[in-house]
Amino acid sequence: MKERTLRTIRPRIQMVFQDPYASLNPRMTVAEALEEPLIAHGRGNA
């Protein structure tokens, strides 16, 4: 699939990484980290 089409599939296949610290942005709060994918995929209002 082209990346543009894959973008509609990616929300349905997610990943949990080995290193929980390296996979989190140290400059983001928990709320910001959890909200980030929702914003990126246009899910809901604030």
ModelCIF file with pLDDT and N, C-alpha, C, O atoms, coordinates in Angstrom:
data_MODEL
#
_entry.id   MODEL 
#
_entity.id                         1 
_entity.type                       polymer 
_entity.pdbx_number_of_molecules   1 
#
_entity_poly.entity_id                      1 
_entity_poly.type                           'polypeptide(L)' 
_entity_poly.nstd_linkage                   no 
_entity_poly.nstd_monomer                   no 
_entity_poly.pdbx_seq_one_letter_code       MKERTLRTIRPRIQMVFQDPYASLNPRMTVAEALEEPLIAHGRGNA 
_entity_poly.pdbx_seq_one_letter_code_can   MKERTLRTIRPRIQMVFQDPYASLNPRMTVAEALEEPLIAHGRGNA 
_entity_poly.pdbx_strand_id                 A 
#
loop_
_entity_poly_seq.entity_id 
_entity_poly_seq.num 
_entity_poly_seq.mon_id 
_entity_poly_seq.hetero 
1 1  MET n 
1 2  LYS n 
1 3  GLU n 
1 4  ARG n 
1 5  THR n 
1 6  LEU n 
1 7  ARG n 
1 8  THR n 
1 9  ILE n 
1 10 ARG n 
1 11 PRO n 
1 12 ARG n 
1 13 ILE n 
1 14 GLN n 
1 15 MET n 
1 16 VAL n 
1 17 PHE n 
1 18 GLN n 
1 19 ASP n 
1 20 PRO n 
1 21 TYR n 
1 22 ALA n 
1 23 SER n 
1 24 LEU n 
1 25 ASN n 
1 26 PRO n 
1 27 ARG n 
1 28 MET n 
1 29 THR n 
1 30 VAL n 
1 31 ALA n 
1 32 GLU n 
1 33 ALA n 
1 34 LEU n 
1 35 GLU n 
1 36 GLU n 
1 37 PRO n 
1 38 LEU n 
1 39 ILE n 
1 40 ALA n 
1 41 HIS n 
1 42 GLY n 
1 43 ARG n 
1 44 GLY n 
1 45 ASN n 
1 46 ALA n 
#
_struct_asym.id          A 
_struct_asym.entity_id   1 
#
loop_
_ma_qa_metric.id 
_ma_qa_metric.mode 
_ma_qa_metric.name 
_ma_qa_metric.software_group_id 
_ma_qa_metric.type 
1 global pLDDT . pLDDT 
2 local  pLDDT . pLDDT 
#
_ma_qa_metric_global.metric_id      1 
_ma_qa_metric_global.metric_value   93.72 
_ma_qa_metric_global.model_id       1 
_ma_qa_metric_global.ordinal_id     1 
#
loop_
_ma_qa_metric_local.label_asym_id 
_ma_qa_metric_local.label_comp_id 
_ma_qa_metric_local.label_seq_id 
_ma_qa_metric_local.metric_id 
_ma_qa_metric_local.metric_value 
_ma_qa_metric_local.model_id 
_ma_qa_metric_local.ordinal_id 
A MET 1  2 92.00 1 1  
A LYS 2  2 91.00 1 2  
A GLU 3  2 90.00 1 3  
A ARG 4  2 90.00 1 4  
A THR 5  2 92.00 1 5  
A LEU 6  2 93.00 1 6  
A ARG 7  2 92.00 1 7  
A THR 8  2 93.00 1 8  
A ILE 9  2 94.00 1 9  
A ARG 10 2 94.00 1 10 
A PRO 11 2 96.00 1 11 
A ARG 12 2 97.00 1 12 
A ILE 13 2 97.00 1 13 
A GLN 14 2 97.00 1 14 
A MET 15 2 96.00 1 15 
A VAL 16 2 96.00 1 16 
A PHE 17 2 91.00 1 17 
A GLN 18 2 89.00 1 18 
A ASP 19 2 87.00 1 19 
A PRO 20 2 81.00 1 20 
A TYR 21 2 85.00 1 21 
A ALA 22 2 87.00 1 22 
A SER 23 2 87.00 1 23 
A LEU 24 2 92.00 1 24 
A ASN 25 2 94.00 1 25 
A PRO 26 2 94.00 1 26 
A ARG 27 2 95.00 1 27 
A MET 28 2 96.00 1 28 
A THR 29 2 97.00 1 29 
A VAL 30 2 97.00 1 30 
A ALA 31 2 98.00 1 31 
A GLU 32 2 97.00 1 32 
A ALA 33 2 97.00 1 33 
A LEU 34 2 97.00 1 34 
A GLU 35 2 97.00 1 35 
A GLU 36 2 97.00 1 36 
A PRO 37 2 96.00 1 37 
A LEU 38 2 97.00 1 38 
A ILE 39 2 97.00 1 39 
A ALA 40 2 95.00 1 40 
A HIS 41 2 94.00 1 41 
A GLY 42 2 94.00 1 42 
A ARG 43 2 95.00 1 43 
A GLY 44 2 94.00 1 44 
A ASN 45 2 97.00 1 45 
A ALA 46 2 97.00 1 46 
#
loop_
_atom_site.group_PDB 
_atom_site.id 
_atom_site.type_symbol 
_atom_site.label_atom_id 
_atom_site.label_alt_id 
_atom_site.label_comp_id 
_atom_site.label_asym_id 
_atom_site.label_entity_id 
_atom_site.label_seq_id 
_atom_site.pdbx_PDB_ins_code 
_atom_site.Cartn_x 
_atom_site.Cartn_y 
_atom_site.Cartn_z 
_atom_site.occupancy 
_atom_site.B_iso_or_equiv 
_atom_site.pdbx_formal_charge 
_atom_site.auth_seq_id 
_atom_site.auth_comp_id 
_atom_site.auth_asym_id 
_atom_site.auth_atom_id 
_atom_site.pdbx_PDB_model_num 
ATOM 1   N N  . MET A 1 1  ? 0.817   -1.205 0.000  1.00 92.00 ? 1  MET A N  1 
ATOM 2   C CA . MET A 1 1  ? 0.000   0.000  0.000  1.00 92.00 ? 1  MET A CA 1 
ATOM 3   C C  . MET A 1 1  ? 0.853   1.260  0.000  1.00 92.00 ? 1  MET A C  1 
ATOM 4   O O  . MET A 1 1  ? 1.923   1.297  0.609  1.00 92.00 ? 1  MET A O  1 
ATOM 5   N N  . LYS A 1 2  ? 0.377   2.281  -0.682 1.00 91.00 ? 2  LYS A N  1 
ATOM 6   C CA . LYS A 1 2  ? 1.003   3.598  -0.614 1.00 91.00 ? 2  LYS A CA 1 
ATOM 7   C C  . LYS A 1 2  ? 0.782   4.179  0.781  1.00 91.00 ? 2  LYS A C  1 
ATOM 8   O O  . LYS A 1 2  ? -0.203  3.855  1.444  1.00 91.00 ? 2  LYS A O  1 
ATOM 9   N N  . GLU A 1 3  ? 1.694   5.031  1.218  1.00 90.00 ? 3  GLU A N  1 
ATOM 10  C CA . GLU A 1 3  ? 1.615   5.596  2.565  1.00 90.00 ? 3  GLU A CA 1 
ATOM 11  C C  . GLU A 1 3  ? 0.299   6.332  2.791  1.00 90.00 ? 3  GLU A C  1 
ATOM 12  O O  . GLU A 1 3  ? -0.250  6.301  3.893  1.00 90.00 ? 3  GLU A O  1 
ATOM 13  N N  . ARG A 1 4  ? -0.204  6.989  1.758  1.00 90.00 ? 4  ARG A N  1 
ATOM 14  C CA . ARG A 1 4  ? -1.462  7.728  1.908  1.00 90.00 ? 4  ARG A CA 1 
ATOM 15  C C  . ARG A 1 4  ? -2.620  6.798  2.255  1.00 90.00 ? 4  ARG A C  1 
ATOM 16  O O  . ARG A 1 4  ? -3.469  7.140  3.079  1.00 90.00 ? 4  ARG A O  1 
ATOM 17  N N  . THR A 1 5  ? -2.657  5.625  1.629  1.00 92.00 ? 5  THR A N  1 
ATOM 18  C CA . THR A 1 5  ? -3.699  4.639  1.926  1.00 92.00 ? 5  THR A CA 1 
ATOM 19  C C  . THR A 1 5  ? -3.439  3.972  3.265  1.00 92.00 ? 5  THR A C  1 
ATOM 20  O O  . THR A 1 5  ? -4.369  3.691  4.022  1.00 92.00 ? 5  THR A O  1 
ATOM 21  N N  . LEU A 1 6  ? -2.157  3.718  3.553  1.00 93.00 ? 6  LEU A N  1 
ATOM 22  C CA . LEU A 1 6  ? -1.794  3.090  4.825  1.00 93.00 ? 6  LEU A CA 1 
ATOM 23  C C  . LEU A 1 6  ? -2.234  3.928  6.022  1.00 93.00 ? 6  LEU A C  1 
ATOM 24  O O  . LEU A 1 6  ? -2.509  3.387  7.093  1.00 93.00 ? 6  LEU A O  1 
ATOM 25  N N  . ARG A 1 7  ? -2.299  5.230  5.846  1.00 92.00 ? 7  ARG A N  1 
ATOM 26  C CA . ARG A 1 7  ? -2.679  6.116  6.940  1.00 92.00 ? 7  ARG A CA 1 
ATOM 27  C C  . ARG A 1 7  ? -4.065  5.772  7.490  1.00 92.00 ? 7  ARG A C  1 
ATOM 28  O O  . ARG A 1 7  ? -4.336  5.991  8.671  1.00 92.00 ? 7  ARG A O  1 
ATOM 29  N N  . THR A 1 8  ? -4.931  5.239  6.645  1.00 93.00 ? 8  THR A N  1 
ATOM 30  C CA . THR A 1 8  ? -6.262  4.835  7.112  1.00 93.00 ? 8  THR A CA 1 
ATOM 31  C C  . THR A 1 8  ? -6.226  3.508  7.864  1.00 93.00 ? 8  THR A C  1 
ATOM 32  O O  . THR A 1 8  ? -7.144  3.195  8.622  1.00 93.00 ? 8  THR A O  1 
ATOM 33  N N  . ILE A 1 9  ? -5.157  2.721  7.651  1.00 94.00 ? 9  ILE A N  1 
ATOM 34  C CA . ILE A 1 9  ? -5.008  1.415  8.300  1.00 94.00 ? 9  ILE A CA 1 
ATOM 35  C C  . ILE A 1 9  ? -4.246  1.526  9.610  1.00 94.00 ? 9  ILE A C  1 
ATOM 36  O O  . ILE A 1 9  ? -4.537  0.795  10.558 1.00 94.00 ? 9  ILE A O  1 
ATOM 37  N N  . ARG A 1 10 ? -3.282  2.422  9.677  1.00 94.00 ? 10 ARG A N  1 
ATOM 38  C CA . ARG A 1 10 ? -2.370  2.494  10.825 1.00 94.00 ? 10 ARG A CA 1 
ATOM 39  C C  . ARG A 1 10 ? -3.069  2.598  12.183 1.00 94.00 ? 10 ARG A C  1 
ATOM 40  O O  . ARG A 1 10 ? -2.596  1.975  13.134 1.00 94.00 ? 10 ARG A O  1 
ATOM 41  N N  . PRO A 1 11 ? -4.167  3.348  12.332 1.00 96.00 ? 11 PRO A N  1 
ATOM 42  C CA . PRO A 1 11 ? -4.807  3.381  13.651 1.00 96.00 ? 11 PRO A CA 1 
ATOM 43  C C  . PRO A 1 11 ? -5.236  2.001  14.159 1.00 96.00 ? 11 PRO A C  1 
ATOM 44  O O  . PRO A 1 11 ? -5.366  1.800  15.366 1.00 96.00 ? 11 PRO A O  1 
ATOM 45  N N  . ARG A 1 12 ? -5.454  1.057  13.251 1.00 97.00 ? 12 ARG A N  1 
ATOM 46  C CA . ARG A 1 12 ? -5.954  -0.269 13.641 1.00 97.00 ? 12 ARG A CA 1 
ATOM 47  C C  . ARG A 1 12 ? -4.836  -1.244 13.984 1.00 97.00 ? 12 ARG A C  1 
ATOM 48  O O  . ARG A 1 12 ? -5.096  -2.321 14.521 1.00 97.00 ? 12 ARG A O  1 
ATOM 49  N N  . ILE A 1 13 ? -3.582  -0.875 13.677 1.00 97.00 ? 13 ILE A N  1 
ATOM 50  C CA . ILE A 1 13 ? -2.422  -1.704 14.048 1.00 97.00 ? 13 ILE A CA 1 
ATOM 51  C C  . ILE A 1 13 ? -1.441  -0.806 14.788 1.00 97.00 ? 13 ILE A C  1 
ATOM 52  O O  . ILE A 1 13 ? -0.836  0.081  14.186 1.00 97.00 ? 13 ILE A O  1 
ATOM 53  N N  . GLN A 1 14 ? -1.281  -1.027 16.066 1.00 97.00 ? 14 GLN A N  1 
ATOM 54  C CA . GLN A 1 14 ? -0.429  -0.189 16.901 1.00 97.00 ? 14 GLN A CA 1 
ATOM 55  C C  . GLN A 1 14 ? 0.690   -1.021 17.533 1.00 97.00 ? 14 GLN A C  1 
ATOM 56  O O  . GLN A 1 14 ? 0.741   -2.240 17.371 1.00 97.00 ? 14 GLN A O  1 
ATOM 57  N N  . MET A 1 15 ? 1.584   -0.340 18.257 1.00 96.00 ? 15 MET A N  1 
ATOM 58  C CA . MET A 1 15 ? 2.761   -1.013 18.806 1.00 96.00 ? 15 MET A CA 1 
ATOM 59  C C  . MET A 1 15 ? 3.047   -0.568 20.228 1.00 96.00 ? 15 MET A C  1 
ATOM 60  O O  . MET A 1 15 ? 2.873   0.600  20.574 1.00 96.00 ? 15 MET A O  1 
ATOM 61  N N  . VAL A 1 16 ? 3.489   -1.511 21.046 1.00 96.00 ? 16 VAL A N  1 
ATOM 62  C CA . VAL A 1 16 ? 4.045   -1.226 22.367 1.00 96.00 ? 16 VAL A CA 1 
ATOM 63  C C  . VAL A 1 16 ? 5.527   -1.591 22.293 1.00 96.00 ? 16 VAL A C  1 
ATOM 64  O O  . VAL A 1 16 ? 5.888   -2.711 21.934 1.00 96.00 ? 16 VAL A O  1 
ATOM 65  N N  . PHE A 1 17 ? 6.372   -0.625 22.640 1.00 91.00 ? 17 PHE A N  1 
ATOM 66  C CA . PHE A 1 17 ? 7.810   -0.780 22.444 1.00 91.00 ? 17 PHE A CA 1 
ATOM 67  C C  . PHE A 1 17 ? 8.487   -1.412 23.667 1.00 91.00 ? 17 PHE A C  1 
ATOM 68  O O  . PHE A 1 17 ? 7.921   -1.484 24.758 1.00 91.00 ? 17 PHE A O  1 
ATOM 69  N N  . GLN A 1 18 ? 9.720   -1.865 23.434 1.00 89.00 ? 18 GLN A N  1 
ATOM 70  C CA . GLN A 1 18 ? 10.502  -2.496 24.498 1.00 89.00 ? 18 GLN A CA 1 
ATOM 71  C C  . GLN A 1 18 ? 10.885  -1.506 25.584 1.00 89.00 ? 18 GLN A C  1 
ATOM 72  O O  . GLN A 1 18 ? 10.734  -1.794 26.771 1.00 89.00 ? 18 GLN A O  1 
ATOM 73  N N  . ASP A 1 19 ? 11.379  -0.346 25.187 1.00 87.00 ? 19 ASP A N  1 
ATOM 74  C CA . ASP A 1 19 ? 11.865  0.643  26.151 1.00 87.00 ? 19 ASP A CA 1 
ATOM 75  C C  . ASP A 1 19 ? 10.806  1.719  26.352 1.00 87.00 ? 19 ASP A C  1 
ATOM 76  O O  . ASP A 1 19 ? 10.636  2.577  25.486 1.00 87.00 ? 19 ASP A O  1 
ATOM 77  N N  . PRO A 1 20 ? 10.093  1.692  27.471 1.00 81.00 ? 20 PRO A N  1 
ATOM 78  C CA . PRO A 1 20 ? 8.997   2.642  27.662 1.00 81.00 ? 20 PRO A CA 1 
ATOM 79  C C  . PRO A 1 20 ? 9.454   4.088  27.799 1.00 81.00 ? 20 PRO A C  1 
ATOM 80  O O  . PRO A 1 20 ? 8.682   5.006  27.523 1.00 81.00 ? 20 PRO A O  1 
ATOM 81  N N  . TYR A 1 21 ? 10.695  4.303  28.218 1.00 85.00 ? 21 TYR A N  1 
ATOM 82  C CA . TYR A 1 21 ? 11.177  5.676  28.361 1.00 85.00 ? 21 TYR A CA 1 
ATOM 83  C C  . TYR A 1 21 ? 11.567  6.260  27.006 1.00 85.00 ? 21 TYR A C  1 
ATOM 84  O O  . TYR A 1 21 ? 11.216  7.395  26.685 1.00 85.00 ? 21 TYR A O  1 
ATOM 85  N N  . ALA A 1 22 ? 12.299  5.473  26.214 1.00 87.00 ? 22 ALA A N  1 
ATOM 86  C CA . ALA A 1 22 ? 12.733  5.944  24.900 1.00 87.00 ? 22 ALA A CA 1 
ATOM 87  C C  . ALA A 1 22 ? 11.563  6.185  23.961 1.00 87.00 ? 22 ALA A C  1 
ATOM 88  O O  . ALA A 1 22 ? 11.667  6.997  23.042 1.00 87.00 ? 22 ALA A O  1 
ATOM 89  N N  . SER A 1 23 ? 10.453  5.494  24.176 1.00 87.00 ? 23 SER A N  1 
ATOM 90  C CA . SER A 1 23 ? 9.298   5.629  23.282 1.00 87.00 ? 23 SER A CA 1 
ATOM 91  C C  . SER A 1 23 ? 8.410   6.816  23.628 1.00 87.00 ? 23 SER A C  1 
ATOM 92  O O  . SER A 1 23 ? 7.465   7.116  22.899 1.00 87.00 ? 23 SER A O  1 
ATOM 93  N N  . LEU A 1 24 ? 8.708   7.499  24.746 1.00 92.00 ? 24 LEU A N  1 
ATOM 94  C CA . LEU A 1 24 ? 7.917   8.656  25.161 1.00 92.00 ? 24 LEU A CA 1 
ATOM 95  C C  . LEU A 1 24 ? 8.724   9.935  24.973 1.00 92.00 ? 24 LEU A C  1 
ATOM 96  O O  . LEU A 1 24 ? 9.931   9.960  25.216 1.00 92.00 ? 24 LEU A O  1 
ATOM 97  N N  . ASN A 1 25 ? 8.054   10.989 24.543 1.00 94.00 ? 25 ASN A N  1 
ATOM 98  C CA . ASN A 1 25 ? 8.692   12.290 24.398 1.00 94.00 ? 25 ASN A CA 1 
ATOM 99  C C  . ASN A 1 25 ? 8.882   12.900 25.785 1.00 94.00 ? 25 ASN A C  1 
ATOM 100 O O  . ASN A 1 25 ? 7.897   13.166 26.473 1.00 94.00 ? 25 ASN A O  1 
ATOM 101 N N  . PRO A 1 26 ? 10.133  13.128 26.213 1.00 94.00 ? 26 PRO A N  1 
ATOM 102 C CA . PRO A 1 26 ? 10.362  13.631 27.577 1.00 94.00 ? 26 PRO A CA 1 
ATOM 103 C C  . PRO A 1 26 ? 9.786   15.024 27.817 1.00 94.00 ? 26 PRO A C  1 
ATOM 104 O O  . PRO A 1 26 ? 9.641   15.444 28.965 1.00 94.00 ? 26 PRO A O  1 
ATOM 105 N N  . ARG A 1 27 ? 9.455   15.745 26.739 1.00 95.00 ? 27 ARG A N  1 
ATOM 106 C CA . ARG A 1 27 ? 8.919   17.100 26.875 1.00 95.00 ? 27 ARG A CA 1 
ATOM 107 C C  . ARG A 1 27 ? 7.397   17.138 26.883 1.00 95.00 ? 27 ARG A C  1 
ATOM 108 O O  . ARG A 1 27 ? 6.794   18.207 26.976 1.00 95.00 ? 27 ARG A O  1 
ATOM 109 N N  . MET A 1 28 ? 6.781   15.968 26.785 1.00 96.00 ? 28 MET A N  1 
ATOM 110 C CA . MET A 1 28 ? 5.318   15.897 26.792 1.00 96.00 ? 28 MET A CA 1 
ATOM 111 C C  . MET A 1 28 ? 4.813   15.323 28.100 1.00 96.00 ? 28 MET A C  1 
ATOM 112 O O  . MET A 1 28 ? 5.387   14.366 28.622 1.00 96.00 ? 28 MET A O  1 
ATOM 113 N N  . THR A 1 29 ? 3.752   15.894 28.630 1.00 97.00 ? 29 THR A N  1 
ATOM 114 C CA . THR A 1 29 ? 3.084   15.303 29.780 1.00 97.00 ? 29 THR A CA 1 
ATOM 115 C C  . THR A 1 29 ? 2.351   14.043 29.333 1.00 97.00 ? 29 THR A C  1 
ATOM 116 O O  . THR A 1 29 ? 2.218   13.780 28.138 1.00 97.00 ? 29 THR A O  1 
ATOM 117 N N  . VAL A 1 30 ? 1.883   13.276 30.298 1.00 97.00 ? 30 VAL A N  1 
ATOM 118 C CA . VAL A 1 30 ? 1.102   12.080 29.970 1.00 97.00 ? 30 VAL A CA 1 
ATOM 119 C C  . VAL A 1 30 ? -0.096  12.451 29.113 1.00 97.00 ? 30 VAL A C  1 
ATOM 120 O O  . VAL A 1 30 ? -0.351  11.809 28.094 1.00 97.00 ? 30 VAL A O  1 
ATOM 121 N N  . ALA A 1 31 ? -0.832  13.474 29.510 1.00 98.00 ? 31 ALA A N  1 
ATOM 122 C CA . ALA A 1 31 ? -2.019  13.890 28.767 1.00 98.00 ? 31 ALA A CA 1 
ATOM 123 C C  . ALA A 1 31 ? -1.669  14.264 27.334 1.00 98.00 ? 31 ALA A C  1 
ATOM 124 O O  . ALA A 1 31 ? -2.388  13.903 26.403 1.00 98.00 ? 31 ALA A O  1 
ATOM 125 N N  . GLU A 1 32 ? -0.573  14.984 27.156 1.00 97.00 ? 32 GLU A N  1 
ATOM 126 C CA . GLU A 1 32 ? -0.163  15.395 25.809 1.00 97.00 ? 32 GLU A CA 1 
ATOM 127 C C  . GLU A 1 32 ? 0.250   14.192 24.966 1.00 97.00 ? 32 GLU A C  1 
ATOM 128 O O  . GLU A 1 32 ? -0.060  14.129 23.776 1.00 97.00 ? 32 GLU A O  1 
ATOM 129 N N  . ALA A 1 33 ? 0.950   13.237 25.580 1.00 97.00 ? 33 ALA A N  1 
ATOM 130 C CA . ALA A 1 33 ? 1.388   12.039 24.854 1.00 97.00 ? 33 ALA A CA 1 
ATOM 131 C C  . ALA A 1 33 ? 0.203   11.204 24.396 1.00 97.00 ? 33 ALA A C  1 
ATOM 132 O O  . ALA A 1 33 ? 0.219   10.648 23.298 1.00 97.00 ? 33 ALA A O  1 
ATOM 133 N N  . LEU A 1 34 ? -0.827  11.111 25.232 1.00 97.00 ? 34 LEU A N  1 
ATOM 134 C CA . LEU A 1 34 ? -2.002  10.316 24.882 1.00 97.00 ? 34 LEU A CA 1 
ATOM 135 C C  . LEU A 1 34 ? -2.906  11.040 23.891 1.00 97.00 ? 34 LEU A C  1 
ATOM 136 O O  . LEU A 1 34 ? -3.598  10.408 23.093 1.00 97.00 ? 34 LEU A O  1 
ATOM 137 N N  . GLU A 1 35 ? -2.897  12.360 23.947 1.00 97.00 ? 35 GLU A N  1 
ATOM 138 C CA . GLU A 1 35 ? -3.733  13.138 23.035 1.00 97.00 ? 35 GLU A CA 1 
ATOM 139 C C  . GLU A 1 35 ? -3.104  13.259 21.653 1.00 97.00 ? 35 GLU A C  1 
ATOM 140 O O  . GLU A 1 35 ? -3.812  13.448 20.663 1.00 97.00 ? 35 GLU A O  1 
ATOM 141 N N  . GLU A 1 36 ? -1.789  13.152 21.577 1.00 97.00 ? 36 GLU A N  1 
ATOM 142 C CA . GLU A 1 36 ? -1.076  13.381 20.312 1.00 97.00 ? 36 GLU A CA 1 
ATOM 143 C C  . GLU A 1 36 ? -1.616  12.542 19.154 1.00 97.00 ? 36 GLU A C  1 
ATOM 144 O O  . GLU A 1 36 ? -1.907  13.106 18.099 1.00 97.00 ? 36 GLU A O  1 
ATOM 145 N N  . PRO A 1 37 ? -1.767  11.198 19.301 1.00 96.00 ? 37 PRO A N  1 
ATOM 146 C CA . PRO A 1 37 ? -2.293  10.418 18.168 1.00 96.00 ? 37 PRO A CA 1 
ATOM 147 C C  . PRO A 1 37 ? -3.728  10.790 17.813 1.00 96.00 ? 37 PRO A C  1 
ATOM 148 O O  . PRO A 1 37 ? -4.116  10.695 16.649 1.00 96.00 ? 37 PRO A O  1 
ATOM 149 N N  . LEU A 1 38 ? -4.521  11.213 18.795 1.00 97.00 ? 38 LEU A N  1 
ATOM 150 C CA . LEU A 1 38 ? -5.898  11.627 18.528 1.00 97.00 ? 38 LEU A CA 1 
ATOM 151 C C  . LEU A 1 38 ? -5.914  12.885 17.660 1.00 97.00 ? 38 LEU A C  1 
ATOM 152 O O  . LEU A 1 38 ? -6.716  12.996 16.733 1.00 97.00 ? 38 LEU A O  1 
ATOM 153 N N  . ILE A 1 39 ? -5.031  13.825 17.964 1.00 97.00 ? 39 ILE A N  1 
ATOM 154 C CA . ILE A 1 39 ? -4.924  15.054 17.171 1.00 97.00 ? 39 ILE A CA 1 
ATOM 155 C C  . ILE A 1 39 ? -4.420  14.732 15.771 1.00 97.00 ? 39 ILE A C  1 
ATOM 156 O O  . ILE A 1 39 ? -4.944  15.251 14.785 1.00 97.00 ? 39 ILE A O  1 
ATOM 157 N N  . ALA A 1 40 ? -3.401  13.873 15.679 1.00 95.00 ? 40 ALA A N  1 
ATOM 158 C CA . ALA A 1 40 ? -2.793  13.546 14.393 1.00 95.00 ? 40 ALA A CA 1 
ATOM 159 C C  . ALA A 1 40 ? -3.792  12.910 13.435 1.00 95.00 ? 40 ALA A C  1 
ATOM 160 O O  . ALA A 1 40 ? -3.694  13.089 12.221 1.00 95.00 ? 40 ALA A O  1 
ATOM 161 N N  . HIS A 1 41 ? -4.749  12.169 13.978 1.00 94.00 ? 41 HIS A N  1 
ATOM 162 C CA . HIS A 1 41 ? -5.740  11.480 13.140 1.00 94.00 ? 41 HIS A CA 1 
ATOM 163 C C  . HIS A 1 41 ? -7.112  12.162 13.183 1.00 94.00 ? 41 HIS A C  1 
ATOM 164 O O  . HIS A 1 41 ? -8.110  11.589 12.747 1.00 94.00 ? 41 HIS A O  1 
ATOM 165 N N  . GLY A 1 42 ? -7.150  13.378 13.706 1.00 94.00 ? 42 GLY A N  1 
ATOM 166 C CA . GLY A 1 42 ? -8.386  14.164 13.665 1.00 94.00 ? 42 GLY A CA 1 
ATOM 167 C C  . GLY A 1 42 ? -9.531  13.580 14.466 1.00 94.00 ? 42 GLY A C  1 
ATOM 168 O O  . GLY A 1 42 ? -10.686 13.645 14.046 1.00 94.00 ? 42 GLY A O  1 
ATOM 169 N N  . ARG A 1 43 ? -9.212  13.008 15.623 1.00 95.00 ? 43 ARG A N  1 
ATOM 170 C CA . ARG A 1 43 ? -10.241 12.375 16.444 1.00 95.00 ? 43 ARG A CA 1 
ATOM 171 C C  . ARG A 1 43 ? -10.794 13.357 17.488 1.00 95.00 ? 43 ARG A C  1 
ATOM 172 O O  . ARG A 1 43 ? -10.085 13.710 18.431 1.00 95.00 ? 43 ARG A O  1 
ATOM 173 N N  . GLY A 1 44 ? -12.028 13.796 17.336 1.00 94.00 ? 44 GLY A N  1 
ATOM 174 C CA . GLY A 1 44 ? -12.735 14.552 18.362 1.00 94.00 ? 44 GLY A CA 1 
ATOM 175 C C  . GLY A 1 44 ? -12.264 15.983 18.548 1.00 94.00 ? 44 GLY A C  1 
ATOM 176 O O  . GLY A 1 44 ? -11.253 16.409 17.990 1.00 94.00 ? 44 GLY A O  1 
ATOM 177 N N  . ASN A 1 45 ? -13.034 16.713 19.354 1.00 97.00 ? 45 ASN A N  1 
ATOM 178 C CA . ASN A 1 45 ? -12.629 18.057 19.749 1.00 97.00 ? 45 ASN A CA 1 
ATOM 179 C C  . ASN A 1 45 ? -11.870 17.982 21.073 1.00 97.00 ? 45 ASN A C  1 
ATOM 180 O O  . ASN A 1 45 ? -11.651 16.894 21.605 1.00 97.00 ? 45 ASN A O  1 
ATOM 181 N N  . ALA A 1 46 ? -11.470 19.134 21.601 1.00 97.00 ? 46 ALA A N  1 
ATOM 182 C CA . ALA A 1 46 ? -10.638 19.153 22.805 1.00 97.00 ? 46 ALA A CA 1 
ATOM 183 C C  . ALA A 1 46 ? -11.318 18.473 23.983 1.00 97.00 ? 46 ALA A C  1 
ATOM 184 O O  . ALA A 1 46 ? -10.746 18.405 25.071 1.00 97.00 ? 46 ALA A O  1 
#
